[in-house]
N, C-alpha and C. Protein backbone atom coordinates (compact mmCIF):
# COMPACT_ATOMS: atom_id res chain seq x y z
N MET A 1 -24.02 -1.04 15.34
CA MET A 1 -24.17 -0.88 13.90
C MET A 1 -22.97 -0.15 13.32
N PHE A 2 -22.67 -0.45 12.06
CA PHE A 2 -21.60 0.22 11.34
C PHE A 2 -22.17 1.29 10.42
N PRO A 3 -21.37 2.31 10.10
CA PRO A 3 -21.78 3.23 9.03
C PRO A 3 -21.87 2.44 7.72
N HIS A 4 -22.59 2.97 6.73
CA HIS A 4 -22.69 2.31 5.44
C HIS A 4 -21.29 2.27 4.81
N PRO A 5 -20.90 1.16 4.18
CA PRO A 5 -19.56 1.05 3.58
C PRO A 5 -19.23 2.16 2.59
N SER A 6 -20.22 2.74 1.96
CA SER A 6 -19.96 3.81 0.99
C SER A 6 -19.38 5.06 1.65
N LEU A 7 -19.48 5.14 2.98
CA LEU A 7 -18.99 6.31 3.71
C LEU A 7 -17.52 6.19 4.13
N ALA A 8 -16.87 5.11 3.71
CA ALA A 8 -15.46 4.90 4.08
C ALA A 8 -14.57 5.98 3.48
N ASP A 9 -13.45 6.27 4.17
CA ASP A 9 -12.45 7.20 3.64
C ASP A 9 -11.87 6.65 2.34
N ASP A 10 -11.06 7.45 1.66
CA ASP A 10 -10.45 7.03 0.41
C ASP A 10 -9.61 5.76 0.57
N ASP A 11 -8.98 5.62 1.76
CA ASP A 11 -8.16 4.43 1.99
C ASP A 11 -8.97 3.25 2.51
N GLY A 12 -10.30 3.43 2.63
CA GLY A 12 -11.16 2.34 3.06
C GLY A 12 -11.52 2.34 4.52
N LEU A 13 -10.87 3.20 5.33
CA LEU A 13 -11.17 3.23 6.77
C LEU A 13 -12.61 3.70 6.98
N LEU A 14 -13.38 2.90 7.71
CA LEU A 14 -14.80 3.18 7.91
C LEU A 14 -15.14 3.51 9.36
N ALA A 15 -14.53 2.79 10.29
CA ALA A 15 -14.91 2.96 11.70
C ALA A 15 -13.74 2.62 12.61
N ILE A 16 -13.80 3.13 13.84
CA ILE A 16 -12.76 2.90 14.84
C ILE A 16 -13.41 2.48 16.14
N GLY A 17 -12.84 1.44 16.76
CA GLY A 17 -13.33 1.03 18.07
C GLY A 17 -14.18 -0.20 18.03
N GLY A 18 -15.01 -0.38 19.06
CA GLY A 18 -15.84 -1.56 19.16
C GLY A 18 -15.07 -2.74 19.72
N ASP A 19 -15.47 -3.93 19.37
CA ASP A 19 -14.82 -5.14 19.88
C ASP A 19 -14.78 -6.19 18.78
N LEU A 20 -14.25 -7.35 19.12
CA LEU A 20 -14.14 -8.45 18.17
C LEU A 20 -15.08 -9.59 18.56
N SER A 21 -16.25 -9.23 19.05
CA SER A 21 -17.23 -10.25 19.39
C SER A 21 -17.71 -10.97 18.14
N VAL A 22 -18.22 -12.17 18.31
CA VAL A 22 -18.74 -12.93 17.19
C VAL A 22 -19.82 -12.15 16.45
N GLU A 23 -20.72 -11.54 17.21
CA GLU A 23 -21.83 -10.80 16.60
C GLU A 23 -21.33 -9.63 15.76
N ARG A 24 -20.36 -8.89 16.28
CA ARG A 24 -19.87 -7.71 15.55
C ARG A 24 -19.08 -8.13 14.30
N LEU A 25 -18.27 -9.17 14.42
CA LEU A 25 -17.50 -9.63 13.26
C LEU A 25 -18.42 -10.13 12.16
N LEU A 26 -19.44 -10.89 12.50
CA LEU A 26 -20.36 -11.40 11.49
C LEU A 26 -21.14 -10.25 10.83
N LEU A 27 -21.53 -9.27 11.63
CA LEU A 27 -22.20 -8.10 11.07
C LEU A 27 -21.29 -7.36 10.10
N ALA A 28 -20.02 -7.26 10.46
CA ALA A 28 -19.07 -6.58 9.60
C ALA A 28 -18.91 -7.31 8.26
N TYR A 29 -18.62 -8.59 8.32
CA TYR A 29 -18.40 -9.33 7.08
C TYR A 29 -19.65 -9.39 6.20
N GLN A 30 -20.82 -9.42 6.84
CA GLN A 30 -22.06 -9.42 6.08
C GLN A 30 -22.21 -8.15 5.25
N HIS A 31 -21.51 -7.08 5.65
CA HIS A 31 -21.62 -5.80 4.96
C HIS A 31 -20.31 -5.39 4.28
N GLY A 32 -19.42 -6.36 4.08
CA GLY A 32 -18.19 -6.08 3.35
C GLY A 32 -17.15 -5.31 4.14
N ILE A 33 -17.19 -5.42 5.45
CA ILE A 33 -16.29 -4.69 6.34
C ILE A 33 -15.39 -5.70 7.06
N PHE A 34 -14.12 -5.35 7.25
CA PHE A 34 -13.24 -6.26 7.96
C PHE A 34 -12.30 -5.48 8.87
N PRO A 35 -11.85 -6.09 9.97
CA PRO A 35 -10.91 -5.42 10.88
C PRO A 35 -9.48 -5.53 10.38
N TRP A 36 -8.72 -4.47 10.56
CA TRP A 36 -7.32 -4.46 10.13
C TRP A 36 -6.58 -3.43 10.98
N PHE A 37 -5.80 -3.90 11.93
CA PHE A 37 -5.15 -3.01 12.87
C PHE A 37 -3.92 -3.71 13.47
N SER A 38 -3.26 -3.04 14.39
CA SER A 38 -2.10 -3.63 15.06
C SER A 38 -2.26 -3.46 16.57
N ASP A 39 -1.30 -3.99 17.30
CA ASP A 39 -1.34 -3.86 18.76
C ASP A 39 -1.21 -2.41 19.21
N GLU A 40 -0.65 -1.56 18.34
CA GLU A 40 -0.41 -0.16 18.70
C GLU A 40 -1.59 0.75 18.38
N THR A 41 -2.65 0.22 17.78
CA THR A 41 -3.80 1.05 17.39
C THR A 41 -5.07 0.47 17.98
N PRO A 42 -6.14 1.29 18.03
CA PRO A 42 -7.44 0.73 18.36
C PRO A 42 -7.91 -0.17 17.22
N ILE A 43 -9.04 -0.83 17.40
CA ILE A 43 -9.59 -1.67 16.33
C ILE A 43 -10.04 -0.78 15.19
N LEU A 44 -9.53 -1.05 13.99
CA LEU A 44 -9.88 -0.27 12.80
C LEU A 44 -10.67 -1.16 11.84
N TRP A 45 -11.74 -0.62 11.28
CA TRP A 45 -12.61 -1.36 10.37
C TRP A 45 -12.55 -0.75 8.98
N TYR A 46 -12.36 -1.61 7.97
CA TYR A 46 -12.16 -1.15 6.60
C TYR A 46 -13.25 -1.69 5.66
N ALA A 47 -13.57 -0.87 4.67
CA ALA A 47 -14.47 -1.27 3.59
C ALA A 47 -13.97 -0.58 2.31
N PRO A 48 -12.97 -1.17 1.63
CA PRO A 48 -12.38 -0.54 0.46
C PRO A 48 -13.41 -0.24 -0.63
N HIS A 49 -13.20 0.86 -1.33
CA HIS A 49 -14.14 1.24 -2.40
C HIS A 49 -13.95 0.39 -3.64
N GLU A 50 -12.79 -0.27 -3.74
CA GLU A 50 -12.58 -1.30 -4.76
C GLU A 50 -12.23 -2.59 -4.05
N ARG A 51 -12.79 -3.67 -4.53
CA ARG A 51 -12.58 -4.96 -3.87
C ARG A 51 -11.84 -5.90 -4.81
N PHE A 52 -10.79 -6.53 -4.30
CA PHE A 52 -10.01 -7.47 -5.09
C PHE A 52 -10.57 -8.86 -4.86
N VAL A 53 -11.13 -9.48 -5.90
CA VAL A 53 -11.84 -10.74 -5.73
C VAL A 53 -11.37 -11.76 -6.77
N LEU A 54 -11.64 -13.02 -6.47
CA LEU A 54 -11.29 -14.11 -7.37
C LEU A 54 -12.51 -14.98 -7.62
N ASP A 55 -12.86 -15.16 -8.88
CA ASP A 55 -13.91 -16.10 -9.26
C ASP A 55 -13.25 -17.47 -9.42
N PRO A 56 -13.64 -18.46 -8.58
CA PRO A 56 -12.99 -19.78 -8.67
C PRO A 56 -13.01 -20.38 -10.06
N LYS A 57 -14.03 -20.06 -10.84
CA LYS A 57 -14.13 -20.60 -12.21
C LYS A 57 -13.08 -19.97 -13.13
N GLU A 58 -12.53 -18.83 -12.74
CA GLU A 58 -11.53 -18.14 -13.56
C GLU A 58 -10.13 -18.30 -13.01
N PHE A 59 -9.96 -19.17 -12.04
CA PHE A 59 -8.66 -19.39 -11.43
C PHE A 59 -7.69 -19.96 -12.47
N LYS A 60 -6.52 -19.33 -12.61
CA LYS A 60 -5.54 -19.73 -13.62
C LYS A 60 -4.56 -20.75 -13.04
N ILE A 61 -4.61 -21.95 -13.57
CA ILE A 61 -3.72 -23.01 -13.11
C ILE A 61 -2.71 -23.31 -14.22
N THR A 62 -1.45 -23.07 -13.95
CA THR A 62 -0.40 -23.29 -14.94
C THR A 62 -0.09 -24.78 -15.06
N LYS A 63 0.66 -25.12 -16.11
CA LYS A 63 1.06 -26.51 -16.32
C LYS A 63 1.89 -27.01 -15.15
N SER A 64 2.80 -26.17 -14.66
CA SER A 64 3.63 -26.59 -13.54
C SER A 64 2.82 -26.80 -12.27
N MET A 65 1.76 -25.97 -12.09
CA MET A 65 0.90 -26.14 -10.94
C MET A 65 0.09 -27.44 -11.04
N ARG A 66 -0.35 -27.79 -12.24
CA ARG A 66 -1.07 -29.05 -12.43
C ARG A 66 -0.20 -30.24 -12.04
N GLN A 67 1.06 -30.15 -12.36
CA GLN A 67 2.00 -31.20 -11.99
C GLN A 67 2.16 -31.26 -10.48
N LEU A 68 2.20 -30.09 -9.86
CA LEU A 68 2.36 -30.01 -8.42
C LEU A 68 1.13 -30.58 -7.70
N ILE A 69 -0.06 -30.33 -8.26
CA ILE A 69 -1.29 -30.85 -7.67
C ILE A 69 -1.26 -32.37 -7.61
N ARG A 70 -0.66 -32.98 -8.62
CA ARG A 70 -0.58 -34.45 -8.69
C ARG A 70 0.58 -35.01 -7.88
N ASN A 71 1.40 -34.14 -7.31
CA ASN A 71 2.59 -34.57 -6.58
C ASN A 71 2.16 -35.24 -5.26
N PRO A 72 2.49 -36.52 -5.05
CA PRO A 72 2.09 -37.22 -3.82
C PRO A 72 2.79 -36.70 -2.57
N TYR A 73 3.76 -35.80 -2.76
CA TYR A 73 4.46 -35.23 -1.61
C TYR A 73 3.52 -34.41 -0.74
N PHE A 74 2.46 -33.82 -1.35
CA PHE A 74 1.55 -32.96 -0.63
C PHE A 74 0.21 -33.65 -0.38
N HIS A 75 -0.36 -33.34 0.77
CA HIS A 75 -1.69 -33.83 1.14
C HIS A 75 -2.53 -32.65 1.58
N MET A 76 -3.73 -32.52 1.03
CA MET A 76 -4.59 -31.40 1.33
C MET A 76 -5.70 -31.79 2.32
N ALA A 77 -6.09 -30.84 3.15
CA ALA A 77 -7.18 -31.09 4.11
C ALA A 77 -7.84 -29.77 4.45
N TYR A 78 -8.94 -29.82 5.17
CA TYR A 78 -9.61 -28.59 5.60
C TYR A 78 -10.11 -28.73 7.03
N ASN A 79 -10.05 -27.62 7.75
CA ASN A 79 -10.54 -27.55 9.14
C ASN A 79 -9.90 -28.60 10.06
N THR A 80 -8.66 -28.94 9.79
CA THR A 80 -7.98 -29.90 10.65
C THR A 80 -6.99 -29.24 11.61
N ALA A 81 -6.64 -27.96 11.34
CA ALA A 81 -5.65 -27.29 12.19
C ALA A 81 -5.85 -25.78 12.13
N PHE A 82 -7.08 -25.33 12.37
CA PHE A 82 -7.38 -23.90 12.21
C PHE A 82 -6.49 -23.04 13.11
N SER A 83 -6.38 -23.39 14.37
CA SER A 83 -5.61 -22.58 15.31
C SER A 83 -4.15 -22.46 14.89
N GLU A 84 -3.60 -23.57 14.39
CA GLU A 84 -2.21 -23.54 13.97
C GLU A 84 -2.04 -22.73 12.69
N VAL A 85 -2.99 -22.84 11.77
CA VAL A 85 -2.92 -22.07 10.52
C VAL A 85 -2.93 -20.57 10.82
N ILE A 86 -3.85 -20.11 11.65
CA ILE A 86 -3.92 -18.66 11.92
C ILE A 86 -2.69 -18.21 12.68
N HIS A 87 -2.17 -19.05 13.56
CA HIS A 87 -0.95 -18.68 14.28
C HIS A 87 0.23 -18.58 13.31
N ARG A 88 0.33 -19.51 12.37
CA ARG A 88 1.43 -19.48 11.41
C ARG A 88 1.29 -18.28 10.47
N CYS A 89 0.06 -17.94 10.11
CA CYS A 89 -0.15 -16.74 9.29
C CYS A 89 0.33 -15.50 10.03
N ALA A 90 0.15 -15.49 11.34
CA ALA A 90 0.53 -14.33 12.15
C ALA A 90 2.04 -14.23 12.34
N THR A 91 2.72 -15.36 12.39
CA THR A 91 4.14 -15.36 12.76
C THR A 91 5.09 -15.53 11.58
N THR A 92 4.58 -15.87 10.42
CA THR A 92 5.44 -16.03 9.25
C THR A 92 5.99 -14.67 8.81
N GLU A 93 7.29 -14.59 8.64
CA GLU A 93 7.90 -13.34 8.19
C GLU A 93 7.59 -13.08 6.73
N ARG A 94 7.26 -11.83 6.40
CA ARG A 94 6.89 -11.46 5.03
C ARG A 94 7.79 -10.33 4.56
N LYS A 95 8.22 -10.42 3.34
CA LYS A 95 9.12 -9.43 2.77
C LYS A 95 8.48 -8.04 2.78
N GLY A 96 9.21 -7.07 3.32
CA GLY A 96 8.73 -5.69 3.35
C GLY A 96 7.67 -5.42 4.41
N GLN A 97 7.44 -6.35 5.31
CA GLN A 97 6.41 -6.18 6.34
C GLN A 97 7.00 -6.40 7.72
N GLN A 98 6.79 -5.45 8.61
CA GLN A 98 7.25 -5.60 9.98
C GLN A 98 6.05 -5.84 10.89
N GLY A 99 6.19 -6.86 11.73
CA GLY A 99 5.07 -7.16 12.64
C GLY A 99 3.92 -7.82 11.92
N THR A 100 2.78 -7.87 12.56
CA THR A 100 1.59 -8.51 12.01
C THR A 100 0.34 -7.78 12.44
N TRP A 101 -0.68 -7.85 11.57
CA TRP A 101 -1.99 -7.31 11.94
C TRP A 101 -2.85 -8.39 12.58
N ILE A 102 -2.36 -9.64 12.55
CA ILE A 102 -3.14 -10.75 13.16
C ILE A 102 -2.71 -10.84 14.62
N THR A 103 -3.24 -9.94 15.43
CA THR A 103 -2.87 -9.86 16.83
C THR A 103 -3.38 -11.07 17.61
N THR A 104 -2.93 -11.20 18.85
CA THR A 104 -3.40 -12.30 19.69
C THR A 104 -4.91 -12.23 19.86
N ASP A 105 -5.46 -11.03 20.09
CA ASP A 105 -6.91 -10.88 20.23
C ASP A 105 -7.63 -11.28 18.94
N MET A 106 -7.03 -10.94 17.80
CA MET A 106 -7.60 -11.30 16.51
C MET A 106 -7.63 -12.82 16.35
N GLN A 107 -6.54 -13.47 16.70
CA GLN A 107 -6.48 -14.93 16.60
C GLN A 107 -7.56 -15.57 17.45
N GLU A 108 -7.70 -15.10 18.68
CA GLU A 108 -8.70 -15.68 19.57
C GLU A 108 -10.11 -15.46 19.04
N ALA A 109 -10.35 -14.31 18.44
CA ALA A 109 -11.69 -14.00 17.90
C ALA A 109 -12.04 -14.93 16.75
N TYR A 110 -11.07 -15.17 15.86
CA TYR A 110 -11.36 -16.02 14.70
C TYR A 110 -11.42 -17.49 15.07
N ILE A 111 -10.70 -17.87 16.10
CA ILE A 111 -10.83 -19.25 16.61
C ILE A 111 -12.23 -19.47 17.16
N ARG A 112 -12.78 -18.45 17.81
CA ARG A 112 -14.17 -18.56 18.29
C ARG A 112 -15.12 -18.71 17.10
N LEU A 113 -14.89 -17.94 16.05
CA LEU A 113 -15.73 -18.05 14.85
C LEU A 113 -15.62 -19.44 14.23
N HIS A 114 -14.41 -19.99 14.26
CA HIS A 114 -14.21 -21.33 13.70
C HIS A 114 -14.97 -22.38 14.50
N LYS A 115 -14.90 -22.29 15.80
CA LYS A 115 -15.58 -23.28 16.63
C LYS A 115 -17.09 -23.23 16.43
N LEU A 116 -17.60 -22.09 16.01
CA LEU A 116 -19.04 -21.94 15.76
C LEU A 116 -19.42 -22.25 14.32
N GLY A 117 -18.41 -22.55 13.48
CA GLY A 117 -18.69 -22.96 12.11
C GLY A 117 -18.68 -21.85 11.08
N TYR A 118 -18.21 -20.66 11.44
CA TYR A 118 -18.21 -19.53 10.50
C TYR A 118 -16.86 -19.33 9.81
N ALA A 119 -15.79 -19.73 10.44
CA ALA A 119 -14.45 -19.55 9.90
C ALA A 119 -13.85 -20.91 9.56
N HIS A 120 -13.09 -20.96 8.47
CA HIS A 120 -12.56 -22.23 7.99
C HIS A 120 -11.11 -22.09 7.56
N SER A 121 -10.43 -23.20 7.55
CA SER A 121 -9.03 -23.23 7.13
C SER A 121 -8.80 -24.34 6.11
N ILE A 122 -7.82 -24.13 5.25
CA ILE A 122 -7.34 -25.16 4.33
C ILE A 122 -5.88 -25.43 4.69
N GLU A 123 -5.53 -26.71 4.78
CA GLU A 123 -4.17 -27.06 5.19
C GLU A 123 -3.43 -27.82 4.08
N THR A 124 -2.15 -27.52 3.94
CA THR A 124 -1.26 -28.28 3.06
C THR A 124 -0.24 -28.99 3.94
N TYR A 125 -0.24 -30.34 3.86
CA TYR A 125 0.70 -31.14 4.63
C TYR A 125 1.71 -31.79 3.68
N ASN A 126 2.93 -32.03 4.18
CA ASN A 126 3.89 -32.77 3.38
C ASN A 126 3.72 -34.27 3.63
N GLU A 127 4.55 -35.06 2.99
CA GLU A 127 4.39 -36.52 3.07
C GLU A 127 4.60 -37.06 4.49
N ASN A 128 5.24 -36.26 5.34
CA ASN A 128 5.46 -36.68 6.73
C ASN A 128 4.39 -36.18 7.67
N GLY A 129 3.35 -35.54 7.11
CA GLY A 129 2.26 -35.04 7.94
C GLY A 129 2.54 -33.72 8.59
N LEU A 130 3.58 -33.00 8.10
CA LEU A 130 3.92 -31.71 8.68
C LEU A 130 3.18 -30.60 7.95
N LEU A 131 2.58 -29.68 8.69
CA LEU A 131 1.86 -28.56 8.10
C LEU A 131 2.87 -27.60 7.46
N VAL A 132 2.76 -27.39 6.15
CA VAL A 132 3.74 -26.55 5.44
C VAL A 132 3.10 -25.36 4.74
N GLY A 133 1.78 -25.25 4.81
CA GLY A 133 1.10 -24.12 4.18
C GLY A 133 -0.38 -24.15 4.49
N GLY A 134 -1.05 -23.03 4.22
CA GLY A 134 -2.49 -23.00 4.45
C GLY A 134 -3.06 -21.62 4.37
N LEU A 135 -4.36 -21.53 4.53
CA LEU A 135 -5.07 -20.27 4.52
C LEU A 135 -6.30 -20.37 5.41
N TYR A 136 -6.88 -19.22 5.75
CA TYR A 136 -8.11 -19.22 6.54
C TYR A 136 -8.98 -18.03 6.14
N GLY A 137 -10.26 -18.13 6.47
CA GLY A 137 -11.17 -17.03 6.15
C GLY A 137 -12.55 -17.28 6.71
N ILE A 138 -13.45 -16.38 6.39
CA ILE A 138 -14.82 -16.40 6.88
C ILE A 138 -15.76 -16.73 5.74
N GLN A 139 -16.75 -17.57 5.98
CA GLN A 139 -17.73 -17.90 4.97
C GLN A 139 -19.02 -17.13 5.19
N ILE A 140 -19.43 -16.39 4.15
CA ILE A 140 -20.73 -15.73 4.15
C ILE A 140 -21.52 -16.32 2.98
N GLY A 141 -22.31 -17.33 3.25
CA GLY A 141 -23.04 -18.01 2.19
C GLY A 141 -22.09 -18.61 1.17
N SER A 142 -22.22 -18.21 -0.10
CA SER A 142 -21.38 -18.74 -1.15
C SER A 142 -20.14 -17.90 -1.39
N ILE A 143 -19.86 -16.97 -0.49
CA ILE A 143 -18.67 -16.11 -0.61
C ILE A 143 -17.69 -16.47 0.51
N PHE A 144 -16.42 -16.68 0.11
CA PHE A 144 -15.38 -16.95 1.09
C PHE A 144 -14.53 -15.70 1.22
N CYS A 145 -14.49 -15.15 2.42
CA CYS A 145 -13.72 -13.93 2.69
C CYS A 145 -12.33 -14.34 3.18
N GLY A 146 -11.38 -14.38 2.27
CA GLY A 146 -10.04 -14.82 2.62
C GLY A 146 -9.33 -13.81 3.51
N GLU A 147 -8.68 -14.29 4.54
CA GLU A 147 -8.00 -13.41 5.48
C GLU A 147 -6.48 -13.43 5.32
N SER A 148 -5.89 -14.59 5.32
CA SER A 148 -4.43 -14.65 5.21
C SER A 148 -4.03 -16.07 4.82
N MET A 149 -2.77 -16.20 4.36
CA MET A 149 -2.21 -17.50 4.04
C MET A 149 -0.73 -17.52 4.39
N PHE A 150 -0.17 -18.71 4.51
CA PHE A 150 1.25 -18.82 4.78
C PHE A 150 1.82 -20.00 4.00
N SER A 151 3.11 -19.99 3.82
CA SER A 151 3.76 -21.07 3.09
C SER A 151 5.18 -21.25 3.60
N ASP A 152 5.51 -22.45 4.04
CA ASP A 152 6.87 -22.77 4.47
C ASP A 152 7.71 -23.32 3.33
N VAL A 153 7.04 -23.88 2.33
CA VAL A 153 7.73 -24.39 1.14
C VAL A 153 7.05 -23.80 -0.09
N SER A 154 7.77 -23.73 -1.17
CA SER A 154 7.27 -23.08 -2.38
C SER A 154 5.92 -23.67 -2.81
N ASN A 155 4.98 -22.76 -3.06
CA ASN A 155 3.65 -23.08 -3.62
C ASN A 155 2.69 -23.78 -2.65
N ALA A 156 3.06 -23.94 -1.39
CA ALA A 156 2.18 -24.64 -0.46
C ALA A 156 0.88 -23.86 -0.23
N SER A 157 0.96 -22.53 -0.12
CA SER A 157 -0.26 -21.75 0.07
C SER A 157 -1.06 -21.69 -1.22
N LYS A 158 -0.37 -21.68 -2.37
CA LYS A 158 -1.09 -21.69 -3.65
C LYS A 158 -1.89 -22.98 -3.81
N LEU A 159 -1.32 -24.09 -3.36
CA LEU A 159 -2.05 -25.36 -3.40
C LEU A 159 -3.31 -25.29 -2.55
N ALA A 160 -3.21 -24.62 -1.40
CA ALA A 160 -4.38 -24.46 -0.53
C ALA A 160 -5.46 -23.65 -1.25
N LEU A 161 -5.05 -22.63 -2.00
CA LEU A 161 -6.01 -21.82 -2.74
C LEU A 161 -6.64 -22.62 -3.88
N VAL A 162 -5.86 -23.43 -4.56
CA VAL A 162 -6.39 -24.31 -5.61
C VAL A 162 -7.44 -25.24 -5.01
N TYR A 163 -7.13 -25.81 -3.87
CA TYR A 163 -8.04 -26.74 -3.20
C TYR A 163 -9.34 -26.03 -2.83
N LEU A 164 -9.23 -24.80 -2.33
CA LEU A 164 -10.41 -24.02 -1.98
C LEU A 164 -11.29 -23.78 -3.20
N CYS A 165 -10.67 -23.46 -4.32
CA CYS A 165 -11.41 -23.16 -5.54
C CYS A 165 -12.05 -24.39 -6.15
N GLN A 166 -11.38 -25.53 -6.08
CA GLN A 166 -11.83 -26.71 -6.79
C GLN A 166 -12.74 -27.64 -6.00
N GLN A 167 -12.60 -27.63 -4.68
CA GLN A 167 -13.31 -28.63 -3.89
C GLN A 167 -14.61 -28.11 -3.24
N PHE A 168 -14.86 -26.81 -3.33
CA PHE A 168 -16.04 -26.25 -2.70
C PHE A 168 -16.80 -25.37 -3.69
N ASN A 169 -18.05 -25.12 -3.41
CA ASN A 169 -18.90 -24.43 -4.37
C ASN A 169 -19.01 -22.93 -4.08
N PHE A 170 -17.89 -22.29 -3.87
CA PHE A 170 -17.92 -20.85 -3.63
C PHE A 170 -18.07 -20.10 -4.95
N GLU A 171 -18.93 -19.09 -4.93
CA GLU A 171 -19.13 -18.26 -6.11
C GLU A 171 -18.04 -17.20 -6.24
N LEU A 172 -17.49 -16.80 -5.10
CA LEU A 172 -16.51 -15.72 -5.11
C LEU A 172 -15.61 -15.85 -3.90
N ILE A 173 -14.33 -15.50 -4.09
CA ILE A 173 -13.39 -15.42 -2.99
C ILE A 173 -12.95 -13.97 -2.86
N ASP A 174 -13.21 -13.37 -1.71
CA ASP A 174 -12.81 -12.00 -1.46
C ASP A 174 -11.36 -11.98 -0.99
N CYS A 175 -10.49 -11.39 -1.80
CA CYS A 175 -9.07 -11.28 -1.45
C CYS A 175 -8.76 -9.97 -0.75
N GLN A 176 -9.76 -9.10 -0.64
CA GLN A 176 -9.69 -7.83 0.07
C GLN A 176 -8.80 -6.80 -0.59
N ILE A 177 -7.49 -7.07 -0.64
CA ILE A 177 -6.52 -6.07 -1.09
C ILE A 177 -5.63 -6.66 -2.18
N HIS A 178 -5.29 -5.83 -3.16
CA HIS A 178 -4.54 -6.27 -4.34
C HIS A 178 -3.17 -6.83 -3.97
N SER A 179 -2.79 -7.88 -4.69
CA SER A 179 -1.41 -8.38 -4.67
C SER A 179 -1.11 -8.91 -6.07
N GLU A 180 0.14 -8.74 -6.50
CA GLU A 180 0.55 -9.22 -7.82
C GLU A 180 0.40 -10.72 -7.92
N HIS A 181 0.68 -11.40 -6.81
CA HIS A 181 0.58 -12.87 -6.79
C HIS A 181 -0.84 -13.32 -7.11
N LEU A 182 -1.82 -12.73 -6.44
CA LEU A 182 -3.21 -13.13 -6.67
C LEU A 182 -3.71 -12.67 -8.03
N ALA A 183 -3.21 -11.52 -8.49
CA ALA A 183 -3.59 -11.04 -9.82
C ALA A 183 -3.14 -12.03 -10.89
N SER A 184 -1.97 -12.62 -10.71
CA SER A 184 -1.45 -13.58 -11.68
C SER A 184 -2.30 -14.86 -11.72
N LEU A 185 -3.08 -15.07 -10.67
CA LEU A 185 -3.93 -16.25 -10.60
C LEU A 185 -5.35 -15.98 -11.09
N GLY A 186 -5.64 -14.74 -11.44
CA GLY A 186 -6.95 -14.42 -12.00
C GLY A 186 -7.79 -13.47 -11.17
N ALA A 187 -7.28 -13.04 -10.01
CA ALA A 187 -8.05 -12.09 -9.19
C ALA A 187 -8.14 -10.73 -9.89
N LYS A 188 -9.22 -10.01 -9.63
CA LYS A 188 -9.44 -8.72 -10.30
C LYS A 188 -10.24 -7.81 -9.37
N PHE A 189 -10.30 -6.53 -9.73
CA PHE A 189 -11.05 -5.57 -8.95
C PHE A 189 -12.51 -5.52 -9.40
N ILE A 190 -13.39 -5.38 -8.41
CA ILE A 190 -14.76 -4.98 -8.68
C ILE A 190 -15.06 -3.82 -7.72
N SER A 191 -16.11 -3.07 -7.98
CA SER A 191 -16.42 -1.95 -7.10
C SER A 191 -16.90 -2.45 -5.74
N GLY A 192 -16.64 -1.66 -4.72
CA GLY A 192 -17.12 -2.00 -3.39
C GLY A 192 -18.63 -2.13 -3.34
N SER A 193 -19.33 -1.29 -4.11
CA SER A 193 -20.80 -1.33 -4.13
C SER A 193 -21.29 -2.63 -4.76
N ALA A 194 -20.60 -3.11 -5.82
CA ALA A 194 -20.99 -4.38 -6.45
C ALA A 194 -20.79 -5.53 -5.47
N TYR A 195 -19.67 -5.49 -4.75
CA TYR A 195 -19.40 -6.54 -3.76
C TYR A 195 -20.45 -6.51 -2.65
N TYR A 196 -20.82 -5.31 -2.21
CA TYR A 196 -21.83 -5.16 -1.17
C TYR A 196 -23.15 -5.76 -1.61
N GLU A 197 -23.54 -5.52 -2.87
CA GLU A 197 -24.79 -6.05 -3.40
C GLU A 197 -24.77 -7.58 -3.42
N LEU A 198 -23.62 -8.15 -3.77
CA LEU A 198 -23.51 -9.61 -3.77
C LEU A 198 -23.69 -10.17 -2.36
N LEU A 199 -23.11 -9.49 -1.39
CA LEU A 199 -23.20 -9.96 0.00
C LEU A 199 -24.63 -9.94 0.51
N GLN A 200 -25.43 -8.99 0.05
CA GLN A 200 -26.80 -8.87 0.56
C GLN A 200 -27.66 -10.05 0.15
N LYS A 201 -27.20 -10.83 -0.83
CA LYS A 201 -27.92 -12.02 -1.26
C LYS A 201 -27.51 -13.24 -0.45
N GLU A 202 -26.49 -13.07 0.38
CA GLU A 202 -25.95 -14.18 1.16
C GLU A 202 -26.30 -14.00 2.63
N LYS A 203 -26.06 -15.04 3.39
CA LYS A 203 -26.37 -15.00 4.82
C LYS A 203 -25.24 -15.64 5.61
N ALA A 204 -24.89 -15.02 6.72
CA ALA A 204 -23.85 -15.59 7.58
C ALA A 204 -24.45 -16.70 8.43
N GLU A 205 -24.16 -17.92 8.06
CA GLU A 205 -24.64 -19.08 8.82
C GLU A 205 -23.48 -20.03 9.06
N PRO A 206 -23.54 -20.78 10.16
CA PRO A 206 -22.47 -21.74 10.39
C PRO A 206 -22.52 -22.88 9.35
N PHE A 207 -21.37 -23.22 8.79
CA PHE A 207 -21.28 -24.28 7.79
C PHE A 207 -20.17 -25.22 8.18
N ALA A 208 -20.30 -26.45 7.72
CA ALA A 208 -19.22 -27.41 7.84
C ALA A 208 -18.79 -27.71 6.41
N ILE A 209 -17.83 -26.95 5.88
CA ILE A 209 -17.44 -27.14 4.49
C ILE A 209 -16.67 -28.44 4.33
């Protein structure tokens, strides 16, 4: 069992240790808790007191993005390359960030969740069938808990997010932590307690989105 999310430190740190078993991960996400650590630390579990979320109905699509959506150069898909998407999220270099929190153990744990129907990926392919962007996350009922995304070409990960918002009936996408990029698309803060209450109405079940 985890401590109640309201007991997290100011930075959101709630618990240390445990494992990345399917049962523990599902219990964590059901209560608004997620793992975030590196190879140099033990497993750290976070439950931020403010949650950065996106309502798919409020997703802001610019005129240029609408044109990009219609561009035949890109092809969208889901759950066709989960292992590759999470690996690319782990290995893509990011400005101002050294290393990755998506460790090998983390990748293996989420691949297990995917095989059981709890974790999903969205893929962006180019006209030659090459994977150029994508995202992955965990589904808790009508809430999609986004974990990470990558993009090899401009806007490829944004297209994956558009696809996630438009093609599935999610009520909310949990972005976990603030970013200017997601804020520009309509993401906003809600209290951790409000997010926790929303989760209690949902159930972690395997889905084929």
